Each structure stands twice: as structure tokens, then as C-alpha cells.
Amino acid sequence: MTAGHELKMLATNALRTIILERVPQFDLARGHPTAVHFDSTNRILSRVLGGEMADLVIATRAAIDELAMAGKVADDSCVDLARIGIGVCVREGARAPDLSSVEAFRHALLDAKSIAYTLTGQSGVYFASVIERLGIAAEVKAKAKVITGGLVGEVVARGDAELGVQQISEILAVPGVDLAGPLPPELQLMTLFSAGVCTSSRQAEAAQALARLLSATAG
């Protein structure tokens, strides 16, 4: 394997599980490695708009569209991968809170001793707006365990937070936590995640093939 044939992928944590499952198979068939760099969508967007080079980007469809408008991603290369909602997790074996209604969810947040979410991730940014809508932003922020990025479930699994809020796929990727459930339907945000080949890529054909493989698997 030579460095000149290495693919560089910037990918959202939301699709971490499927990427880690499928990329090694792709690399084995291709005979060259893929370097996967996981980050939040907002940080990926900033990195690519700031000039960082990559072959393939996986982020929210809105971010991919923005990169395409900026000329960073080939418009005709965009492939939709999965639509994912936001959920709540607890430490494995812990009692799950009632999330069956908006009021039950509100009480669960107020009753929790601590709540973890991300500062820059799609789910964290949205959750910050939800607690504002519910009128409990001050109470939640006072006991929040906010991380800049990564997997919120890891914070909960360590026992550093009672509840965690993140994309359901990211919760399921972490051992040691249980998915308590999705947000109530009235508060849920379903996000479409997509892939796009960077216009600067010298391996656009291989990057497109990987995007198609991930699309077939995730879909």
C-alpha cells in the first residue's frame, strides 16, 4: 500500500459504526487504505471551508450542500446515506426515564443530576434550542456536561453524567450505555446524512465507489 493511493475521509460520528464496519472491507478489496477522521458536522464544515484537503466528506445533507455551493464538493457526487433521529441514553442497567411526552421529557431533564451533550455536534446544537423552547435552559446548563465533540455515550458510560443526548446511531455505537428512547415526536429532529466527493480529490472514482457502498449498506 502506498501513501499516494490512500483515501482521506472526514466523517460525522453519526455514521461511525457503519463506517468502521465497511471501510476495512472496501480497503481489502481495493488494496489501499482509507484514513478516516471522525468529527462533528460543524467542525468538518469549518475544516473543509478552511482549506483542509480530503477525498470524501460525510456530514449532514445541509453541510454537504453548503460545501457543494462553495465548490468544495462535486455537486453531482452527493449520495444520501441515512436519516437519523436524536435519542437519550443512560448508563447500562440504569433506570430509563419516561420520554413518552414533551412534559415527561421536560421532567426527566429537570430530575436528572447531570446531562451530557455536545457543543458543536448537530444533536447538541439542536438540544440547546430544545431546552430553550422548554424554558429550562438555565437549569439544564447548570448541571450540563458539555463536550466539544465525540461520543456523549462515553461520558455516560464512565458515570460522569446521568443522561446523554445525541444521535441515536452514536448512542448505539458506545458499549456500556442503554438507549432510553428517542425524543418525543413533537421535539424530534430527523437529520439526513450524506456523502460528497471533494473537488480537490485525485481519487474521485474510488471515493465515489466508497460513498455508493456506504449508501447501499446504510440504506
C-alpha atoms as a PDB file:
ATOM      1  CA  MET A   1       0.000   0.000   0.000  1.00  0.00           C
ATOM      2  CA  THR A   2       1.334   3.434  -0.916  1.00  0.00           C
ATOM      3  CA  ALA A   3       0.510   6.779   0.641  1.00  0.00           C
ATOM      4  CA  GLY A   4      -0.346   8.165  -2.802  1.00  0.00           C
ATOM      5  CA  HIS A   5      -3.346   5.861  -3.016  1.00  0.00           C
ATOM      6  CA  GLU A   6      -4.637   6.490   0.496  1.00  0.00           C
ATOM      7  CA  LEU A   7      -8.136   7.925   0.658  1.00  0.00           C
ATOM      8  CA  LYS A   8      -8.821  10.585   3.268  1.00  0.00           C
ATOM      9  CA  MET A   9     -12.342  10.718   4.688  1.00  0.00           C
ATOM     10  CA  LEU A  10     -13.781  13.307   7.061  1.00  0.00           C
ATOM     11  CA  ALA A  11     -16.841  11.725   8.640  1.00  0.00           C
ATOM     12  CA  THR A  12     -19.511  12.551  11.185  1.00  0.00           C
ATOM     13  CA  ASN A  13     -19.652  10.418  14.307  1.00  0.00           C
ATOM     14  CA  ALA A  14     -23.307   9.721  13.488  1.00  0.00           C
ATOM     15  CA  LEU A  15     -22.264   7.042  10.992  1.00  0.00           C
ATOM     16  CA  ARG A  16     -19.240   5.774  12.891  1.00  0.00           C
ATOM     17  CA  THR A  17     -20.491   2.203  13.291  1.00  0.00           C
ATOM     18  CA  ILE A  18     -21.300   1.540   9.640  1.00  0.00           C
ATOM     19  CA  ILE A  19     -18.093   3.259   8.502  1.00  0.00           C
ATOM     20  CA  LEU A  20     -15.902   1.183  10.804  1.00  0.00           C
ATOM     21  CA  GLU A  21     -17.659  -1.961   9.590  1.00  0.00           C
ATOM     22  CA  ARG A  22     -17.492  -1.283   5.849  1.00  0.00           C
ATOM     23  CA  VAL A  23     -14.306   0.684   5.219  1.00  0.00           C
ATOM     24  CA  PRO A  24     -11.957  -2.238   6.067  1.00  0.00           C
ATOM     25  CA  GLN A  25     -13.834  -4.403   3.552  1.00  0.00           C
ATOM     26  CA  PHE A  26     -13.528  -1.655   0.939  1.00  0.00           C
ATOM     27  CA  ASP A  27      -9.804  -1.267   1.646  1.00  0.00           C
ATOM     28  CA  LEU A  28      -9.220  -5.006   1.393  1.00  0.00           C
ATOM     29  CA  ALA A  29     -10.911  -5.186  -1.988  1.00  0.00           C
ATOM     30  CA  ARG A  30      -9.179  -2.053  -3.242  1.00  0.00           C
ATOM     31  CA  GLY A  31      -5.739  -2.864  -1.867  1.00  0.00           C
ATOM     32  CA  HIS A  32      -5.158   0.615  -0.438  1.00  0.00           C
ATOM     33  CA  PRO A  33      -6.039   2.211   2.907  1.00  0.00           C
ATOM     34  CA  THR A  34      -8.638   4.787   3.855  1.00  0.00           C
ATOM     35  CA  ALA A  35      -7.737   7.233   6.623  1.00  0.00           C
ATOM     36  CA  VAL A  36     -10.955   8.064   8.469  1.00  0.00           C
ATOM     37  CA  HIS A  37     -11.101  11.185  10.623  1.00  0.00           C
ATOM     38  CA  PHE A  38     -14.245  11.463  12.761  1.00  0.00           C
ATOM     39  CA  ASP A  39     -15.568  14.836  13.867  1.00  0.00           C
ATOM     40  CA  SER A  40     -18.816  16.744  14.291  1.00  0.00           C
ATOM     41  CA  THR A  41     -20.572  18.043  11.188  1.00  0.00           C
ATOM     42  CA  ASN A  42     -19.999  21.678  12.150  1.00  0.00           C
ATOM     43  CA  ARG A  43     -16.282  21.146  12.657  1.00  0.00           C
ATOM     44  CA  ILE A  44     -15.980  19.176   9.410  1.00  0.00           C
ATOM     45  CA  LEU A  45     -17.705  22.027   7.609  1.00  0.00           C
ATOM     46  CA  SER A  46     -15.276  24.556   9.073  1.00  0.00           C
ATOM     47  CA  ARG A  47     -12.263  22.391   8.292  1.00  0.00           C
ATOM     48  CA  VAL A  48     -13.144  21.916   4.629  1.00  0.00           C
ATOM     49  CA  LEU A  49     -14.249  25.510   4.091  1.00  0.00           C
ATOM     50  CA  GLY A  50     -10.972  26.499   5.746  1.00  0.00           C
ATOM     51  CA  GLY A  51      -8.996  24.670   3.089  1.00  0.00           C
ATOM     52  CA  GLU A  52      -8.351  21.218   4.552  1.00  0.00           C
ATOM     53  CA  MET A  53      -7.939  18.626   1.806  1.00  0.00           C
ATOM     54  CA  ALA A  54      -9.897  15.371   1.743  1.00  0.00           C
ATOM     55  CA  ASP A  55     -11.274  12.887  -0.759  1.00  0.00           C
ATOM     56  CA  LEU A  56     -14.668  12.142   0.761  1.00  0.00           C
ATOM     57  CA  VAL A  57     -16.806  14.024   3.260  1.00  0.00           C
ATOM     58  CA  ILE A  58     -19.711  12.540   5.229  1.00  0.00           C
ATOM     59  CA  ALA A  59     -21.891  15.019   7.105  1.00  0.00           C
ATOM     60  CA  THR A  60     -25.439  16.324   7.196  1.00  0.00           C
ATOM     61  CA  ARG A  61     -27.031  16.895   3.793  1.00  0.00           C
ATOM     62  CA  ALA A  62     -27.251  20.603   4.597  1.00  0.00           C
ATOM     63  CA  ALA A  63     -23.487  20.727   5.194  1.00  0.00           C
ATOM     64  CA  ILE A  64     -22.738  18.758   2.028  1.00  0.00           C
ATOM     65  CA  ASP A  65     -24.949  21.150   0.045  1.00  0.00           C
ATOM     66  CA  GLU A  66     -23.104  24.109   1.557  1.00  0.00           C
ATOM     67  CA  LEU A  67     -19.765  22.587   0.581  1.00  0.00           C
ATOM     68  CA  ALA A  68     -21.070  21.973  -2.933  1.00  0.00           C
ATOM     69  CA  MET A  69     -22.184  25.613  -3.221  1.00  0.00           C
ATOM     70  CA  ALA A  70     -18.704  26.671  -2.072  1.00  0.00           C
ATOM     71  CA  GLY A  71     -17.116  24.497  -4.750  1.00  0.00           C
ATOM     72  CA  LYS A  72     -15.506  22.167  -2.213  1.00  0.00           C
ATOM     73  CA  VAL A  73     -17.646  19.119  -3.078  1.00  0.00           C
ATOM     74  CA  ALA A  74     -18.673  17.975  -6.551  1.00  0.00           C
ATOM     75  CA  ASP A  75     -22.409  18.627  -6.805  1.00  0.00           C
ATOM     76  CA  ASP A  76     -23.111  15.512  -8.881  1.00  0.00           C
ATOM     77  CA  SER A  77     -21.258  13.270  -6.402  1.00  0.00           C
ATOM     78  CA  CYS A  78     -23.641  13.680  -3.441  1.00  0.00           C
ATOM     79  CA  VAL A  79     -25.155  10.448  -2.129  1.00  0.00           C
ATOM     80  CA  ASP A  80     -27.706  10.244   0.675  1.00  0.00           C
ATOM     81  CA  LEU A  81     -26.826   7.665   3.338  1.00  0.00           C
ATOM     82  CA  ALA A  82     -29.277   7.638   6.252  1.00  0.00           C
ATOM     83  CA  ARG A  83     -31.885   9.647   8.132  1.00  0.00           C
ATOM     84  CA  ILE A  84     -31.287   9.543  11.903  1.00  0.00           C
ATOM     85  CA  GLY A  85     -33.110  10.899  14.950  1.00  0.00           C
ATOM     86  CA  ILE A  86     -31.898  12.049  18.356  1.00  0.00           C
ATOM     87  CA  GLY A  87     -32.154   9.924  21.490  1.00  0.00           C
ATOM     88  CA  VAL A  88     -31.369   9.790  25.183  1.00  0.00           C
ATOM     89  CA  CYS A  89     -29.037   7.280  26.824  1.00  0.00           C
ATOM     90  CA  VAL A  90     -28.399   6.100  30.373  1.00  0.00           C
ATOM     91  CA  ARG A  91     -25.627   4.009  31.854  1.00  0.00           C
ATOM     92  CA  GLU A  92     -26.108   0.293  31.160  1.00  0.00           C
ATOM     93  CA  GLY A  93     -28.589  -1.190  33.611  1.00  0.00           C
ATOM     94  CA  ALA A  94     -29.777   2.170  34.950  1.00  0.00           C
ATOM     95  CA  ARG A  95     -33.470   3.045  35.070  1.00  0.00           C
ATOM     96  CA  ALA A  96     -34.615   4.723  31.876  1.00  0.00           C
ATOM     97  CA  PRO A  97     -36.569   7.962  32.261  1.00  0.00           C
ATOM     98  CA  ASP A  98     -40.049   8.465  30.844  1.00  0.00           C
ATOM     99  CA  LEU A  99     -39.700  10.083  27.423  1.00  0.00           C
ATOM    100  CA  SER A 100     -43.230   9.401  26.210  1.00  0.00           C
ATOM    101  CA  SER A 101     -44.347  13.025  26.034  1.00  0.00           C
ATOM    102  CA  VAL A 102     -42.925  16.525  25.942  1.00  0.00           C
ATOM    103  CA  GLU A 103     -43.874  17.079  29.595  1.00  0.00           C
ATOM    104  CA  ALA A 104     -42.368  13.743  30.665  1.00  0.00           C
ATOM    105  CA  PHE A 105     -39.150  14.579  28.801  1.00  0.00           C
ATOM    106  CA  ARG A 106     -39.052  18.008  30.448  1.00  0.00           C
ATOM    107  CA  HIS A 107     -39.413  16.445  33.892  1.00  0.00           C
ATOM    108  CA  ALA A 108     -36.722  13.860  33.070  1.00  0.00           C
ATOM    109  CA  LEU A 109     -34.273  16.639  32.250  1.00  0.00           C
ATOM    110  CA  LEU A 110     -35.117  18.560  35.412  1.00  0.00           C
ATOM    111  CA  ASP A 111     -34.863  15.429  37.591  1.00  0.00           C
ATOM    112  CA  ALA A 112     -31.520  14.258  36.175  1.00  0.00           C
ATOM    113  CA  LYS A 113     -28.451  15.060  38.252  1.00  0.00           C
ATOM    114  CA  SER A 114     -26.364  15.722  35.133  1.00  0.00           C
ATOM    115  CA  ILE A 115     -26.848  15.737  31.359  1.00  0.00           C
ATOM    116  CA  ALA A 116     -24.199  15.338  28.651  1.00  0.00           C
ATOM    117  CA  TYR A 117     -24.386  16.718  25.120  1.00  0.00           C
ATOM    118  CA  THR A 118     -22.012  18.153  22.543  1.00  0.00           C
ATOM    119  CA  LEU A 119     -21.154  21.752  21.929  1.00  0.00           C
ATOM    120  CA  THR A 120     -20.554  21.511  18.171  1.00  0.00           C
ATOM    121  CA  GLY A 121     -22.429  18.378  17.083  1.00  0.00           C
ATOM    122  CA  GLN A 122     -25.719  18.567  15.212  1.00  0.00           C
ATOM    123  CA  SER A 123     -27.609  16.959  18.103  1.00  0.00           C
ATOM    124  CA  GLY A 124     -26.035  19.186  20.739  1.00  0.00           C
ATOM    125  CA  VAL A 125     -26.781  22.396  18.886  1.00  0.00           C
ATOM    126  CA  TYR A 126     -30.376  21.277  18.417  1.00  0.00           C
ATOM    127  CA  PHE A 127     -30.728  20.142  22.048  1.00  0.00           C
ATOM    128  CA  ALA A 128     -29.621  23.593  23.188  1.00  0.00           C
ATOM    129  CA  SER A 129     -32.542  25.050  21.240  1.00  0.00           C
ATOM    130  CA  VAL A 130     -34.945  22.459  22.697  1.00  0.00           C
ATOM    131  CA  ILE A 131     -34.193  23.339  26.309  1.00  0.00           C
ATOM    132  CA  GLU A 132     -34.724  26.987  25.421  1.00  0.00           C
ATOM    133  CA  ARG A 133     -38.142  26.112  23.975  1.00  0.00           C
ATOM    134  CA  LEU A 134     -38.981  24.135  27.108  1.00  0.00           C
ATOM    135  CA  GLY A 135     -37.988  27.041  29.328  1.00  0.00           C
ATOM    136  CA  ILE A 136     -35.394  25.057  31.275  1.00  0.00           C
ATOM    137  CA  ALA A 137     -32.154  26.171  29.641  1.00  0.00           C
ATOM    138  CA  ALA A 138     -30.717  27.701  32.813  1.00  0.00           C
ATOM    139  CA  GLU A 139     -31.475  24.619  34.917  1.00  0.00           C
ATOM    140  CA  VAL A 140     -30.006  22.190  32.368  1.00  0.00           C
ATOM    141  CA  LYS A 141     -26.904  24.253  31.640  1.00  0.00           C
ATOM    142  CA  ALA A 142     -26.158  24.490  35.360  1.00  0.00           C
ATOM    143  CA  LYS A 143     -25.669  20.719  35.535  1.00  0.00           C
ATOM    144  CA  ALA A 144     -24.572  20.031  31.960  1.00  0.00           C
ATOM    145  CA  LYS A 145     -21.500  18.020  30.992  1.00  0.00           C
ATOM    146  CA  VAL A 146     -20.838  19.653  27.643  1.00  0.00           C
ATOM    147  CA  ILE A 147     -18.128  18.170  25.432  1.00  0.00           C
ATOM    148  CA  THR A 148     -16.696  19.789  22.318  1.00  0.00           C
ATOM    149  CA  GLY A 149     -17.261  16.694  20.200  1.00  0.00           C
ATOM    150  CA  GLY A 150     -17.083  12.915  20.191  1.00  0.00           C
ATOM    151  CA  LEU A 151     -19.445  10.348  21.681  1.00  0.00           C
ATOM    152  CA  VAL A 152     -21.650  11.500  24.536  1.00  0.00           C
ATOM    153  CA  GLY A 153     -22.310   7.873  25.470  1.00  0.00           C
ATOM    154  CA  GLU A 154     -18.716   7.542  26.643  1.00  0.00           C
ATOM    155  CA  VAL A 155     -19.329  10.254  29.253  1.00  0.00           C
ATOM    156  CA  VAL A 156     -22.437   8.422  30.477  1.00  0.00           C
ATOM    157  CA  ALA A 157     -20.718   5.014  30.458  1.00  0.00           C
ATOM    158  CA  ARG A 158     -17.975   6.403  32.738  1.00  0.00           C
ATOM    159  CA  GLY A 159     -20.619   7.605  35.164  1.00  0.00           C
ATOM    160  CA  ASP A 160     -19.784  11.268  34.598  1.00  0.00           C
ATOM    161  CA  ALA A 161     -23.357  12.088  33.520  1.00  0.00           C
ATOM    162  CA  GLU A 162     -26.727  10.527  34.298  1.00  0.00           C
ATOM    163  CA  LEU A 163     -28.282  11.222  30.867  1.00  0.00           C
ATOM    164  CA  GLY A 164     -26.778  11.749  27.438  1.00  0.00           C
ATOM    165  CA  VAL A 165     -28.412  13.305  24.388  1.00  0.00           C
ATOM    166  CA  GLN A 166     -27.088  12.572  20.899  1.00  0.00           C
ATOM    167  CA  GLN A 167     -27.902  10.994  17.543  1.00  0.00           C
ATOM    168  CA  ILE A 168     -29.319   7.517  18.149  1.00  0.00           C
ATOM    169  CA  SER A 169     -26.676   5.907  15.926  1.00  0.00           C
ATOM    170  CA  GLU A 170     -23.926   7.479  18.032  1.00  0.00           C
ATOM    171  CA  ILE A 171     -25.521   6.213  21.241  1.00  0.00           C
ATOM    172  CA  LEU A 172     -25.723   2.690  19.852  1.00  0.00           C
ATOM    173  CA  ALA A 173     -22.016   2.812  18.970  1.00  0.00           C
ATOM    174  CA  VAL A 174     -20.967   3.017  22.636  1.00  0.00           C
ATOM    175  CA  PRO A 175     -20.724  -0.051  24.892  1.00  0.00           C
ATOM    176  CA  GLY A 176     -21.817   0.442  28.473  1.00  0.00           C
ATOM    177  CA  VAL A 177     -24.912   2.534  27.789  1.00  0.00           C
ATOM    178  CA  ASP A 178     -28.564   1.793  27.074  1.00  0.00           C
ATOM    179  CA  LEU A 179     -30.762   3.729  24.690  1.00  0.00           C
ATOM    180  CA  ALA A 180     -33.578   5.074  26.877  1.00  0.00           C
ATOM    181  CA  GLY A 181     -35.511   6.093  23.786  1.00  0.00           C
ATOM    182  CA  PRO A 182     -35.907   8.784  21.138  1.00  0.00           C
ATOM    183  CA  LEU A 183     -37.014  12.331  21.818  1.00  0.00           C
ATOM    184  CA  PRO A 184     -40.791  12.783  21.879  1.00  0.00           C
ATOM    185  CA  PRO A 185     -42.188  13.134  18.330  1.00  0.00           C
ATOM    186  CA  GLU A 186     -43.064  16.798  18.885  1.00  0.00           C
ATOM    187  CA  LEU A 187     -39.409  17.565  19.636  1.00  0.00           C
ATOM    188  CA  GLN A 188     -37.677  15.067  17.366  1.00  0.00           C
ATOM    189  CA  LEU A 189     -35.314  16.164  14.615  1.00  0.00           C
ATOM    190  CA  MET A 190     -34.636  13.675  11.841  1.00  0.00           C
ATOM    191  CA  THR A 191     -31.377  14.535  10.100  1.00  0.00           C
ATOM    192  CA  LEU A 192     -30.353  13.343   6.649  1.00  0.00           C
ATOM    193  CA  PHE A 193     -26.667  12.406   6.391  1.00  0.00           C
ATOM    194  CA  SER A 194     -24.927  12.310   3.032  1.00  0.00           C
ATOM    195  CA  ALA A 195     -21.569  11.823   1.361  1.00  0.00           C
ATOM    196  CA  GLY A 196     -19.830  14.034  -1.164  1.00  0.00           C
ATOM    197  CA  VAL A 197     -16.587  13.724  -3.125  1.00  0.00           C
ATOM    198  CA  CYS A 198     -14.241  16.674  -2.735  1.00  0.00           C
ATOM    199  CA  THR A 199     -13.430  18.588  -5.899  1.00  0.00           C
ATOM    200  CA  SER A 200      -9.751  18.522  -4.920  1.00  0.00           C
ATOM    201  CA  SER A 201      -9.666  14.707  -4.726  1.00  0.00           C
ATOM    202  CA  ARG A 202      -7.218  12.915  -7.002  1.00  0.00           C
ATOM    203  CA  GLN A 203      -9.071   9.677  -6.348  1.00  0.00           C
ATOM    204  CA  ALA A 204     -12.600  10.793  -7.074  1.00  0.00           C
ATOM    205  CA  GLU A 205     -13.614   7.481  -8.644  1.00  0.00           C
ATOM    206  CA  ALA A 206     -12.554   5.459  -5.595  1.00  0.00           C
ATOM    207  CA  ALA A 207     -14.158   7.986  -3.242  1.00  0.00           C
ATOM    208  CA  GLN A 208     -17.408   7.761  -5.187  1.00  0.00           C
ATOM    209  CA  ALA A 209     -17.302   3.969  -5.041  1.00  0.00           C
ATOM    210  CA  LEU A 210     -16.927   4.099  -1.259  1.00  0.00           C
ATOM    211  CA  ALA A 211     -19.840   6.527  -0.996  1.00  0.00           C
ATOM    212  CA  ARG A 212     -22.027   4.164  -3.020  1.00  0.00           C
ATOM    213  CA  LEU A 213     -21.014   1.217  -0.829  1.00  0.00           C
ATOM    214  CA  LEU A 214     -21.919   3.104   2.336  1.00  0.00           C
ATOM    215  CA  SER A 215     -25.203   4.211   0.809  1.00  0.00           C
ATOM    216  CA  ALA A 216     -26.185   0.659  -0.103  1.00  0.00           C
ATOM    217  CA  THR A 217     -25.291  -0.561   3.393  1.00  0.00           C
ATOM    218  CA  ALA A 218     -26.861   2.265   5.404  1.00  0.00           C
ATOM    219  CA  GLY A 219     -29.988   2.358   3.277  1.00  0.00           C
END
